């Protein structure tokens, strides 16, 4: 039993309130996933590097204590055209020119092998941590976060370790996030096939397999709906998936719809959660169109 959340703001005036809207949703699902949690938030760049090239944003995390200041200073030296490093929750976020990405990855692998890139994107920041989601929100000031889109997960581990790297969301490609409530029964088989194709994994979580399989289909040229349908064809199990990109959000349930999900749609936002109580404090919820997604139907919304 886990909790999934997605919140897409259609009304730009709500963007400064993203965190304050998101935290009650997470707190409502706290008991569904007390082991760990993760949040990815999308926000347009308001500042950037000294160069005219948009910065590529890397979210870093680890399962061991890390001197993030040392990591940041070393990575800055690899980016002579400019970079920006900030603490972000339990890890750090670094904005770098895209051309510096190979050098940054090499440095992390060599000097800090315990550090992983939790997410990469133009608009994306990712936080993962262990412990109750409500405590994580309070510890890192999530109520003050701004942005236009968020995806979040509260985890009750059933088949893999309780660590930062095992937590959702999984980010298998730039600005692409996946959270999952349920389980995949054939994930070991699919994982071996993907590894044979050169795909690497940060955990042994079944949900990461589904996320990385989705990314392989997108790389083959599928649009998001077709790629999601391939996940339904290839991955056996029971699931609700929430998927976000830089421009929108999707939700899909398996053929039996065993895992709960509810959607609320208004002119100002689209919200999805595992339970209605996570939506109850959203503004205008009394006038929202509220429904449960049908089995095997891919619902997609854009900004």
C-alpha atoms as a PDB file:
ATOM      1  CA  UNK A   1       0.000   0.000   0.000  1.00  0.00           C
ATOM      2  CA  UNK A   2       1.528   3.273  -1.193  1.00  0.00           C
ATOM      3  CA  UNK A   3       0.179   6.695  -2.070  1.00  0.00           C
ATOM      4  CA  UNK A   4       0.530   8.503  -5.402  1.00  0.00           C
ATOM      5  CA  UNK A   5      -0.066  12.180  -6.066  1.00  0.00           C
ATOM      6  CA  UNK A   6       0.005  14.452  -9.086  1.00  0.00           C
ATOM      7  CA  UNK A   7      -0.845  18.157  -9.199  1.00  0.00           C
ATOM      8  CA  UNK A   8      -0.847  20.149 -12.438  1.00  0.00           C
ATOM      9  CA  UNK A   9      -1.600  23.869 -12.119  1.00  0.00           C
ATOM     10  CA  UNK A  10      -3.394  25.393 -15.084  1.00  0.00           C
ATOM     11  CA  UNK A  11      -3.748  28.791 -13.417  1.00  0.00           C
ATOM     12  CA  UNK A  12      -0.338  30.534 -13.248  1.00  0.00           C
ATOM     13  CA  UNK A  13      -1.451  32.590 -10.249  1.00  0.00           C
ATOM     14  CA  UNK A  14      -1.468  29.367  -8.203  1.00  0.00           C
ATOM     15  CA  UNK A  15       2.198  28.604  -8.869  1.00  0.00           C
ATOM     16  CA  UNK A  16       3.494  30.386  -5.728  1.00  0.00           C
ATOM     17  CA  UNK A  17       1.110  28.143  -3.752  1.00  0.00           C
ATOM     18  CA  UNK A  18       2.227  24.807  -5.204  1.00  0.00           C
ATOM     19  CA  UNK A  19       3.923  23.668  -2.000  1.00  0.00           C
ATOM     20  CA  UNK A  20       1.098  24.762   0.285  1.00  0.00           C
ATOM     21  CA  UNK A  21      -1.373  22.866  -1.919  1.00  0.00           C
ATOM     22  CA  UNK A  22       0.837  19.784  -2.108  1.00  0.00           C
ATOM     23  CA  UNK A  23       1.696  19.298   1.569  1.00  0.00           C
ATOM     24  CA  UNK A  24      -1.877  18.555   2.779  1.00  0.00           C
ATOM     25  CA  UNK A  25      -2.158  16.006  -0.030  1.00  0.00           C
ATOM     26  CA  UNK A  26       0.984  14.233   1.182  1.00  0.00           C
ATOM     27  CA  UNK A  27      -0.024  14.449   4.828  1.00  0.00           C
ATOM     28  CA  UNK A  28      -3.377  12.860   4.026  1.00  0.00           C
ATOM     29  CA  UNK A  29      -1.586   9.838   2.538  1.00  0.00           C
ATOM     30  CA  UNK A  30       1.081   9.666   5.242  1.00  0.00           C
ATOM     31  CA  UNK A  31      -0.137   6.388   6.702  1.00  0.00           C
ATOM     32  CA  UNK A  32      -0.309   4.772   3.267  1.00  0.00           C
ATOM     33  CA  UNK A  33       3.459   5.149   2.976  1.00  0.00           C
ATOM     34  CA  UNK A  34       5.290   5.831   6.251  1.00  0.00           C
ATOM     35  CA  UNK A  35       8.626   4.332   5.134  1.00  0.00           C
ATOM     36  CA  UNK A  36       9.819   7.021   2.732  1.00  0.00           C
ATOM     37  CA  UNK A  37       8.643   9.587   0.233  1.00  0.00           C
ATOM     38  CA  UNK A  38       9.686  11.505  -2.836  1.00  0.00           C
ATOM     39  CA  UNK A  39       8.607  14.703  -4.523  1.00  0.00           C
ATOM     40  CA  UNK A  40       9.448  16.088  -7.943  1.00  0.00           C
ATOM     41  CA  UNK A  41       8.529  19.672  -8.708  1.00  0.00           C
ATOM     42  CA  UNK A  42       8.629  21.440 -12.058  1.00  0.00           C
ATOM     43  CA  UNK A  43       9.241  25.190 -12.170  1.00  0.00           C
ATOM     44  CA  UNK A  44      10.232  27.465 -15.021  1.00  0.00           C
ATOM     45  CA  UNK A  45      13.781  28.819 -14.794  1.00  0.00           C
ATOM     46  CA  UNK A  46      13.810  32.335 -13.391  1.00  0.00           C
ATOM     47  CA  UNK A  47      17.543  32.667 -13.253  1.00  0.00           C
ATOM     48  CA  UNK A  48      20.226  30.804 -15.109  1.00  0.00           C
ATOM     49  CA  UNK A  49      23.854  30.444 -15.854  1.00  0.00           C
ATOM     50  CA  UNK A  50      25.993  33.212 -17.207  1.00  0.00           C
ATOM     51  CA  UNK A  51      25.839  31.615 -20.647  1.00  0.00           C
ATOM     52  CA  UNK A  52      22.825  32.034 -22.918  1.00  0.00           C
ATOM     53  CA  UNK A  53      22.321  28.248 -23.028  1.00  0.00           C
ATOM     54  CA  UNK A  54      19.579  26.985 -20.681  1.00  0.00           C
ATOM     55  CA  UNK A  55      20.927  25.099 -17.704  1.00  0.00           C
ATOM     56  CA  UNK A  56      20.415  21.377 -17.345  1.00  0.00           C
ATOM     57  CA  UNK A  57      19.317  20.645 -13.784  1.00  0.00           C
ATOM     58  CA  UNK A  58      20.625  17.580 -11.938  1.00  0.00           C
ATOM     59  CA  UNK A  59      19.121  16.436  -8.622  1.00  0.00           C
ATOM     60  CA  UNK A  60      21.604  14.475  -6.516  1.00  0.00           C
ATOM     61  CA  UNK A  61      21.028  12.105  -3.603  1.00  0.00           C
ATOM     62  CA  UNK A  62      22.621   9.230  -1.718  1.00  0.00           C
ATOM     63  CA  UNK A  63      21.943   6.540   0.838  1.00  0.00           C
ATOM     64  CA  UNK A  64      24.965   7.577   2.933  1.00  0.00           C
ATOM     65  CA  UNK A  65      26.003  10.934   4.472  1.00  0.00           C
ATOM     66  CA  UNK A  66      27.645  13.175   1.864  1.00  0.00           C
ATOM     67  CA  UNK A  67      29.609  16.426   2.109  1.00  0.00           C
ATOM     68  CA  UNK A  68      27.448  18.217  -0.424  1.00  0.00           C
ATOM     69  CA  UNK A  69      29.532  21.373  -0.220  1.00  0.00           C
ATOM     70  CA  UNK A  70      32.622  19.441  -1.314  1.00  0.00           C
ATOM     71  CA  UNK A  71      30.699  17.765  -4.115  1.00  0.00           C
ATOM     72  CA  UNK A  72      29.325  21.090  -5.293  1.00  0.00           C
ATOM     73  CA  UNK A  73      32.674  22.873  -5.261  1.00  0.00           C
ATOM     74  CA  UNK A  74      34.315  20.077  -7.246  1.00  0.00           C
ATOM     75  CA  UNK A  75      31.559  20.013  -9.827  1.00  0.00           C
ATOM     76  CA  UNK A  76      31.702  23.783 -10.226  1.00  0.00           C
ATOM     77  CA  UNK A  77      35.334  23.451 -11.280  1.00  0.00           C
ATOM     78  CA  UNK A  78      34.219  21.234 -14.173  1.00  0.00           C
ATOM     79  CA  UNK A  79      31.970  23.963 -15.598  1.00  0.00           C
ATOM     80  CA  UNK A  80      34.099  26.970 -16.600  1.00  0.00           C
ATOM     81  CA  UNK A  81      31.153  28.538 -18.430  1.00  0.00           C
ATOM     82  CA  UNK A  82      29.192  28.647 -15.190  1.00  0.00           C
ATOM     83  CA  UNK A  83      27.196  26.449 -12.857  1.00  0.00           C
ATOM     84  CA  UNK A  84      24.998  26.776  -9.815  1.00  0.00           C
ATOM     85  CA  UNK A  85      24.825  24.404  -6.837  1.00  0.00           C
ATOM     86  CA  UNK A  86      22.153  24.467  -4.137  1.00  0.00           C
ATOM     87  CA  UNK A  87      21.225  22.218  -1.240  1.00  0.00           C
ATOM     88  CA  UNK A  88      17.823  20.747  -1.923  1.00  0.00           C
ATOM     89  CA  UNK A  89      16.247  18.671   0.800  1.00  0.00           C
ATOM     90  CA  UNK A  90      18.377  15.653   1.622  1.00  0.00           C
ATOM     91  CA  UNK A  91      20.628  16.170  -1.401  1.00  0.00           C
ATOM     92  CA  UNK A  92      21.634  18.887  -3.796  1.00  0.00           C
ATOM     93  CA  UNK A  93      20.701  20.374  -7.142  1.00  0.00           C
ATOM     94  CA  UNK A  94      23.271  21.509  -9.675  1.00  0.00           C
ATOM     95  CA  UNK A  95      22.536  23.527 -12.820  1.00  0.00           C
ATOM     96  CA  UNK A  96      25.169  22.922 -15.486  1.00  0.00           C
ATOM     97  CA  UNK A  97      25.607  23.529 -19.212  1.00  0.00           C
ATOM     98  CA  UNK A  98      24.527  20.434 -21.121  1.00  0.00           C
ATOM     99  CA  UNK A  99      28.028  20.124 -22.548  1.00  0.00           C
ATOM    100  CA  UNK A 100      29.378  19.545 -19.016  1.00  0.00           C
ATOM    101  CA  UNK A 101      27.119  16.573 -18.281  1.00  0.00           C
ATOM    102  CA  UNK A 102      29.591  13.818 -19.306  1.00  0.00           C
ATOM    103  CA  UNK A 103      32.355  15.312 -17.140  1.00  0.00           C
ATOM    104  CA  UNK A 104      29.987  15.672 -14.187  1.00  0.00           C
ATOM    105  CA  UNK A 105      28.843  12.042 -14.499  1.00  0.00           C
ATOM    106  CA  UNK A 106      32.454  10.831 -14.726  1.00  0.00           C
ATOM    107  CA  UNK A 107      33.434  12.830 -11.643  1.00  0.00           C
ATOM    108  CA  UNK A 108      30.524  11.478  -9.622  1.00  0.00           C
ATOM    109  CA  UNK A 109      31.285   7.890 -10.625  1.00  0.00           C
ATOM    110  CA  UNK A 110      34.973   8.286  -9.759  1.00  0.00           C
ATOM    111  CA  UNK A 111      34.997  10.507  -6.688  1.00  0.00           C
ATOM    112  CA  UNK A 112      31.546   9.947  -5.162  1.00  0.00           C
ATOM    113  CA  UNK A 113      30.271   6.512  -6.238  1.00  0.00           C
ATOM    114  CA  UNK A 114      27.576   6.603  -3.554  1.00  0.00           C
ATOM    115  CA  UNK A 115      26.005   9.723  -5.067  1.00  0.00           C
ATOM    116  CA  UNK A 116      23.320   9.177  -7.695  1.00  0.00           C
ATOM    117  CA  UNK A 117      21.584  11.524 -10.081  1.00  0.00           C
ATOM    118  CA  UNK A 118      17.986  11.235  -8.884  1.00  0.00           C
ATOM    119  CA  UNK A 119      16.644  13.257 -11.770  1.00  0.00           C
ATOM    120  CA  UNK A 120      17.697  15.265 -14.791  1.00  0.00           C
ATOM    121  CA  UNK A 121      15.686  17.917 -16.575  1.00  0.00           C
ATOM    122  CA  UNK A 122      15.300  21.504 -17.660  1.00  0.00           C
ATOM    123  CA  UNK A 123      12.551  22.330 -15.154  1.00  0.00           C
ATOM    124  CA  UNK A 124      12.800  19.536 -12.597  1.00  0.00           C
ATOM    125  CA  UNK A 125      13.974  19.162  -8.996  1.00  0.00           C
ATOM    126  CA  UNK A 126      13.711  15.855  -7.128  1.00  0.00           C
ATOM    127  CA  UNK A 127      13.750  15.206  -3.381  1.00  0.00           C
ATOM    128  CA  UNK A 128      13.736  11.730  -1.822  1.00  0.00           C
ATOM    129  CA  UNK A 129      14.143  10.790   1.819  1.00  0.00           C
ATOM    130  CA  UNK A 130      13.271   8.071   4.285  1.00  0.00           C
ATOM    131  CA  UNK A 131      10.848   8.548   7.163  1.00  0.00           C
ATOM    132  CA  UNK A 132       7.261   9.714   7.314  1.00  0.00           C
ATOM    133  CA  UNK A 133       6.233  12.016   4.439  1.00  0.00           C
ATOM    134  CA  UNK A 134       4.765  14.614   6.823  1.00  0.00           C
ATOM    135  CA  UNK A 135       8.120  14.840   8.627  1.00  0.00           C
ATOM    136  CA  UNK A 136       9.957  15.214   5.324  1.00  0.00           C
ATOM    137  CA  UNK A 137       7.674  18.059   4.256  1.00  0.00           C
ATOM    138  CA  UNK A 138       8.278  19.877   7.534  1.00  0.00           C
ATOM    139  CA  UNK A 139      12.043  19.237   7.523  1.00  0.00           C
ATOM    140  CA  UNK A 140      12.610  20.689   4.069  1.00  0.00           C
ATOM    141  CA  UNK A 141      10.027  23.449   3.968  1.00  0.00           C
ATOM    142  CA  UNK A 142       8.005  21.947   1.130  1.00  0.00           C
ATOM    143  CA  UNK A 143       5.129  24.365   1.821  1.00  0.00           C
ATOM    144  CA  UNK A 144       7.279  27.187   0.439  1.00  0.00           C
ATOM    145  CA  UNK A 145       8.062  25.516  -2.873  1.00  0.00           C
ATOM    146  CA  UNK A 146       6.801  27.099  -6.077  1.00  0.00           C
ATOM    147  CA  UNK A 147       6.147  25.603  -9.484  1.00  0.00           C
ATOM    148  CA  UNK A 148       3.521  24.539 -11.988  1.00  0.00           C
ATOM    149  CA  UNK A 149       3.556  20.752 -11.580  1.00  0.00           C
ATOM    150  CA  UNK A 150       4.371  18.254  -8.843  1.00  0.00           C
ATOM    151  CA  UNK A 151       4.387  14.480  -8.563  1.00  0.00           C
ATOM    152  CA  UNK A 152       4.827  12.717  -5.242  1.00  0.00           C
ATOM    153  CA  UNK A 153       4.810   9.310  -3.609  1.00  0.00           C
ATOM    154  CA  UNK A 154       4.471   7.887  -0.117  1.00  0.00           C
ATOM    155  CA  UNK A 155       5.982   4.419   0.188  1.00  0.00           C
ATOM    156  CA  UNK A 156       5.200   1.316   2.177  1.00  0.00           C
ATOM    157  CA  UNK A 157       7.952  -1.051   1.035  1.00  0.00           C
ATOM    158  CA  UNK A 158       6.921  -4.607   0.241  1.00  0.00           C
ATOM    159  CA  UNK A 159       9.676  -6.021  -1.967  1.00  0.00           C
ATOM    160  CA  UNK A 160      12.834  -3.935  -1.631  1.00  0.00           C
ATOM    161  CA  UNK A 161      14.834  -1.895   0.857  1.00  0.00           C
ATOM    162  CA  UNK A 162      13.744   1.333   2.529  1.00  0.00           C
ATOM    163  CA  UNK A 163      16.370   3.758   1.241  1.00  0.00           C
ATOM    164  CA  UNK A 164      16.580   7.035  -0.630  1.00  0.00           C
ATOM    165  CA  UNK A 165      17.465   5.308  -3.900  1.00  0.00           C
ATOM    166  CA  UNK A 166      14.566   2.865  -3.615  1.00  0.00           C
ATOM    167  CA  UNK A 167      12.069   5.705  -3.196  1.00  0.00           C
ATOM    168  CA  UNK A 168       9.849   7.112  -5.928  1.00  0.00           C
ATOM    169  CA  UNK A 169       9.608   9.041  -8.177  1.00  0.00           C
ATOM    170  CA  UNK A 170      11.897   7.383 -10.686  1.00  0.00           C
ATOM    171  CA  UNK A 171      13.238   9.661 -13.408  1.00  0.00           C
ATOM    172  CA  UNK A 172      14.348   7.500 -16.342  1.00  0.00           C
ATOM    173  CA  UNK A 173      14.732  10.388 -18.794  1.00  0.00           C
ATOM    174  CA  UNK A 174      14.897  14.163 -18.777  1.00  0.00           C
ATOM    175  CA  UNK A 175      11.865  15.730 -17.099  1.00  0.00           C
ATOM    176  CA  UNK A 176      10.104  12.323 -17.084  1.00  0.00           C
ATOM    177  CA  UNK A 177       8.878  11.087 -13.669  1.00  0.00           C
ATOM    178  CA  UNK A 178       6.985   7.965 -12.677  1.00  0.00           C
ATOM    179  CA  UNK A 179       5.310   7.006  -9.380  1.00  0.00           C
ATOM    180  CA  UNK A 180       3.637   3.655  -8.848  1.00  0.00           C
ATOM    181  CA  UNK A 181       1.205   2.140  -6.404  1.00  0.00           C
ATOM    182  CA  UNK A 182       1.078  -1.631  -6.759  1.00  0.00           C
ATOM    183  CA  UNK A 183       3.487  -4.334  -7.828  1.00  0.00           C
ATOM    184  CA  UNK A 184       4.906  -5.841 -11.003  1.00  0.00           C
ATOM    185  CA  UNK A 185       5.228  -9.627 -10.854  1.00  0.00           C
ATOM    186  CA  UNK A 186       7.537 -10.078 -13.864  1.00  0.00           C
ATOM    187  CA  UNK A 187       9.900  -7.192 -13.193  1.00  0.00           C
ATOM    188  CA  UNK A 188      12.974  -9.422 -12.787  1.00  0.00           C
ATOM    189  CA  UNK A 189      12.557 -10.795 -16.308  1.00  0.00           C
ATOM    190  CA  UNK A 190      12.030  -7.353 -17.831  1.00  0.00           C
ATOM    191  CA  UNK A 191      14.941  -5.971 -15.821  1.00  0.00           C
ATOM    192  CA  UNK A 192      17.341  -8.615 -17.181  1.00  0.00           C
ATOM    193  CA  UNK A 193      16.236  -7.849 -20.718  1.00  0.00           C
ATOM    194  CA  UNK A 194      16.776  -4.129 -20.226  1.00  0.00           C
ATOM    195  CA  UNK A 195      20.189  -4.731 -18.658  1.00  0.00           C
ATOM    196  CA  UNK A 196      21.150  -6.800 -21.703  1.00  0.00           C
ATOM    197  CA  UNK A 197      20.263  -3.719 -23.767  1.00  0.00           C
ATOM    198  CA  UNK A 198      22.616  -1.568 -21.658  1.00  0.00           C
ATOM    199  CA  UNK A 199      20.084   0.003 -19.281  1.00  0.00           C
ATOM    200  CA  UNK A 200      21.437   0.605 -15.762  1.00  0.00           C
ATOM    201  CA  UNK A 201      19.455   0.717 -12.515  1.00  0.00           C
ATOM    202  CA  UNK A 202      19.856   2.562  -9.211  1.00  0.00           C
ATOM    203  CA  UNK A 203      17.786   0.100  -7.166  1.00  0.00           C
ATOM    204  CA  UNK A 204      16.156  -3.323  -7.258  1.00  0.00           C
ATOM    205  CA  UNK A 205      12.705  -1.755  -6.969  1.00  0.00           C
ATOM    206  CA  UNK A 206      10.121  -3.226  -9.351  1.00  0.00           C
ATOM    207  CA  UNK A 207       8.753   0.271 -10.008  1.00  0.00           C
ATOM    208  CA  UNK A 208      12.080   1.437 -11.445  1.00  0.00           C
ATOM    209  CA  UNK A 209      11.844  -1.357 -14.020  1.00  0.00           C
ATOM    210  CA  UNK A 210       8.488  -0.063 -15.204  1.00  0.00           C
ATOM    211  CA  UNK A 211       9.822   3.494 -15.395  1.00  0.00           C
ATOM    212  CA  UNK A 212      12.886   2.528 -17.400  1.00  0.00           C
ATOM    213  CA  UNK A 213      10.851   0.327 -19.730  1.00  0.00           C
ATOM    214  CA  UNK A 214       8.603   3.330 -20.384  1.00  0.00           C
ATOM    215  CA  UNK A 215      11.662   5.418 -21.262  1.00  0.00           C
ATOM    216  CA  UNK A 216      12.921   2.805 -23.730  1.00  0.00           C
ATOM    217  CA  UNK A 217       9.619   2.926 -25.582  1.00  0.00           C
ATOM    218  CA  UNK A 218       9.743   6.725 -25.737  1.00  0.00           C
ATOM    219  CA  UNK A 219      13.295   6.482 -27.100  1.00  0.00           C
ATOM    220  CA  UNK A 220      11.968   4.221 -29.866  1.00  0.00           C
ATOM    221  CA  UNK A 221       9.612   6.996 -30.951  1.00  0.00           C
ATOM    222  CA  UNK A 222       6.375   6.181 -29.130  1.00  0.00           C
ATOM    223  CA  UNK A 223       4.359   9.071 -27.785  1.00  0.00           C
ATOM    224  CA  UNK A 224       3.572   8.961 -24.069  1.00  0.00           C
ATOM    225  CA  UNK A 225       0.192   7.263 -24.486  1.00  0.00           C
ATOM    226  CA  UNK A 226       1.580   4.493 -26.709  1.00  0.00           C
ATOM    227  CA  UNK A 227       4.614   4.010 -24.446  1.00  0.00           C
ATOM    228  CA  UNK A 228       2.288   3.700 -21.458  1.00  0.00           C
ATOM    229  CA  UNK A 229       0.212   1.103 -23.293  1.00  0.00           C
ATOM    230  CA  UNK A 230       3.412  -0.888 -23.873  1.00  0.00           C
ATOM    231  CA  UNK A 231       3.991  -0.863 -20.115  1.00  0.00           C
ATOM    232  CA  UNK A 232       0.515  -2.349 -19.665  1.00  0.00           C
ATOM    233  CA  UNK A 233       1.272  -5.020 -22.275  1.00  0.00           C
ATOM    234  CA  UNK A 234       4.699  -6.030 -20.961  1.00  0.00           C
ATOM    235  CA  UNK A 235       4.493  -5.540 -17.187  1.00  0.00           C
ATOM    236  CA  UNK A 236       2.307  -8.013 -15.309  1.00  0.00           C
ATOM    237  CA  UNK A 237       0.747  -6.913 -12.049  1.00  0.00           C
ATOM    238  CA  UNK A 238      -1.594  -4.486 -10.367  1.00  0.00           C
ATOM    239  CA  UNK A 239      -0.861  -0.798 -10.569  1.00  0.00           C
ATOM    240  CA  UNK A 240      -1.812   2.810 -10.688  1.00  0.00           C
ATOM    241  CA  UNK A 241       0.836   4.886 -12.454  1.00  0.00           C
ATOM    242  CA  UNK A 242       1.155   8.663 -12.460  1.00  0.00           C
ATOM    243  CA  UNK A 243       3.575   9.999 -15.069  1.00  0.00           C
ATOM    244  CA  UNK A 244       4.728  13.571 -15.548  1.00  0.00           C
ATOM    245  CA  UNK A 245       6.753  15.375 -18.178  1.00  0.00           C
ATOM    246  CA  UNK A 246       7.751  19.018 -18.509  1.00  0.00           C
ATOM    247  CA  UNK A 247       4.421  19.772 -20.186  1.00  0.00           C
ATOM    248  CA  UNK A 248       1.841  17.561 -18.547  1.00  0.00           C
ATOM    249  CA  UNK A 249       0.639  14.621 -16.497  1.00  0.00           C
ATOM    250  CA  UNK A 250      -0.861  11.185 -17.189  1.00  0.00           C
ATOM    251  CA  UNK A 251      -2.510   8.513 -15.066  1.00  0.00           C
ATOM    252  CA  UNK A 252      -3.355   4.898 -15.878  1.00  0.00           C
ATOM    253  CA  UNK A 253      -4.655   1.871 -13.955  1.00  0.00           C
ATOM    254  CA  UNK A 254      -4.324  -1.814 -14.770  1.00  0.00           C
ATOM    255  CA  UNK A 255      -7.099  -3.916 -16.261  1.00  0.00           C
ATOM    256  CA  UNK A 256      -8.547  -4.871 -12.861  1.00  0.00           C
ATOM    257  CA  UNK A 257      -8.199  -1.388 -11.320  1.00  0.00           C
ATOM    258  CA  UNK A 258      -7.297  -2.921  -7.970  1.00  0.00           C
ATOM    259  CA  UNK A 259      -5.229   0.072  -6.885  1.00  0.00           C
ATOM    260  CA  UNK A 260      -7.278   3.168  -6.054  1.00  0.00           C
ATOM    261  CA  UNK A 261      -7.076   6.513  -7.799  1.00  0.00           C
ATOM    262  CA  UNK A 262      -9.276   9.590  -7.967  1.00  0.00           C
ATOM    263  CA  UNK A 263      -9.006  12.680 -10.170  1.00  0.00           C
ATOM    264  CA  UNK A 264     -10.274  16.211  -9.550  1.00  0.00           C
ATOM    265  CA  UNK A 265     -10.340  18.611 -12.487  1.00  0.00           C
ATOM    266  CA  UNK A 266     -11.059  22.355 -12.431  1.00  0.00           C
ATOM    267  CA  UNK A 267     -10.167  25.324 -14.603  1.00  0.00           C
ATOM    268  CA  UNK A 268      -7.270  26.023 -12.233  1.00  0.00           C
ATOM    269  CA  UNK A 269      -5.742  22.586 -11.746  1.00  0.00           C
ATOM    270  CA  UNK A 270      -5.869  18.841 -12.288  1.00  0.00           C
ATOM    271  CA  UNK A 271      -5.091  16.690  -9.259  1.00  0.00           C
ATOM    272  CA  UNK A 272      -4.805  12.931  -8.870  1.00  0.00           C
ATOM    273  CA  UNK A 273      -4.336  10.948  -5.663  1.00  0.00           C
ATOM    274  CA  UNK A 274      -4.832   7.495  -4.239  1.00  0.00           C
ATOM    275  CA  UNK A 275      -7.679   8.704  -2.016  1.00  0.00           C
ATOM    276  CA  UNK A 276     -10.192  11.529  -2.162  1.00  0.00           C
ATOM    277  CA  UNK A 277      -9.167  12.800   1.274  1.00  0.00           C
ATOM    278  CA  UNK A 278      -5.884  13.940  -0.306  1.00  0.00           C
ATOM    279  CA  UNK A 279      -7.894  16.252  -2.564  1.00  0.00           C
ATOM    280  CA  UNK A 280     -10.337  17.531   0.046  1.00  0.00           C
ATOM    281  CA  UNK A 281      -8.433  20.714   0.954  1.00  0.00           C
ATOM    282  CA  UNK A 282      -7.768  21.890  -2.592  1.00  0.00           C
ATOM    283  CA  UNK A 283      -9.408  25.218  -3.506  1.00  0.00           C
ATOM    284  CA  UNK A 284     -12.673  24.882  -5.403  1.00  0.00           C
ATOM    285  CA  UNK A 285     -12.858  21.129  -4.804  1.00  0.00           C
ATOM    286  CA  UNK A 286     -16.614  21.340  -4.199  1.00  0.00           C
ATOM    287  CA  UNK A 287     -17.088  22.451  -7.818  1.00  0.00           C
ATOM    288  CA  UNK A 288     -14.495  20.150  -9.352  1.00  0.00           C
ATOM    289  CA  UNK A 289     -15.229  17.317 -11.753  1.00  0.00           C
ATOM    290  CA  UNK A 290     -14.242  14.290  -9.641  1.00  0.00           C
ATOM    291  CA  UNK A 291     -13.975  10.758 -11.033  1.00  0.00           C
ATOM    292  CA  UNK A 292     -12.125   7.468 -10.809  1.00  0.00           C
ATOM    293  CA  UNK A 293      -9.994   6.639 -13.866  1.00  0.00           C
ATOM    294  CA  UNK A 294     -11.314   3.680 -15.862  1.00  0.00           C
ATOM    295  CA  UNK A 295      -9.146   0.555 -16.177  1.00  0.00           C
ATOM    296  CA  UNK A 296      -6.534   0.581 -18.961  1.00  0.00           C
ATOM    297  CA  UNK A 297      -7.489   4.085 -20.087  1.00  0.00           C
ATOM    298  CA  UNK A 298      -4.632   6.582 -20.336  1.00  0.00           C
ATOM    299  CA  UNK A 299      -5.689  10.039 -19.132  1.00  0.00           C
ATOM    300  CA  UNK A 300      -3.439  12.940 -20.104  1.00  0.00           C
ATOM    301  CA  UNK A 301      -3.519  16.637 -19.264  1.00  0.00           C
ATOM    302  CA  UNK A 302      -1.206  19.441 -20.421  1.00  0.00           C
ATOM    303  CA  UNK A 303      -0.437  22.923 -19.153  1.00  0.00           C
END
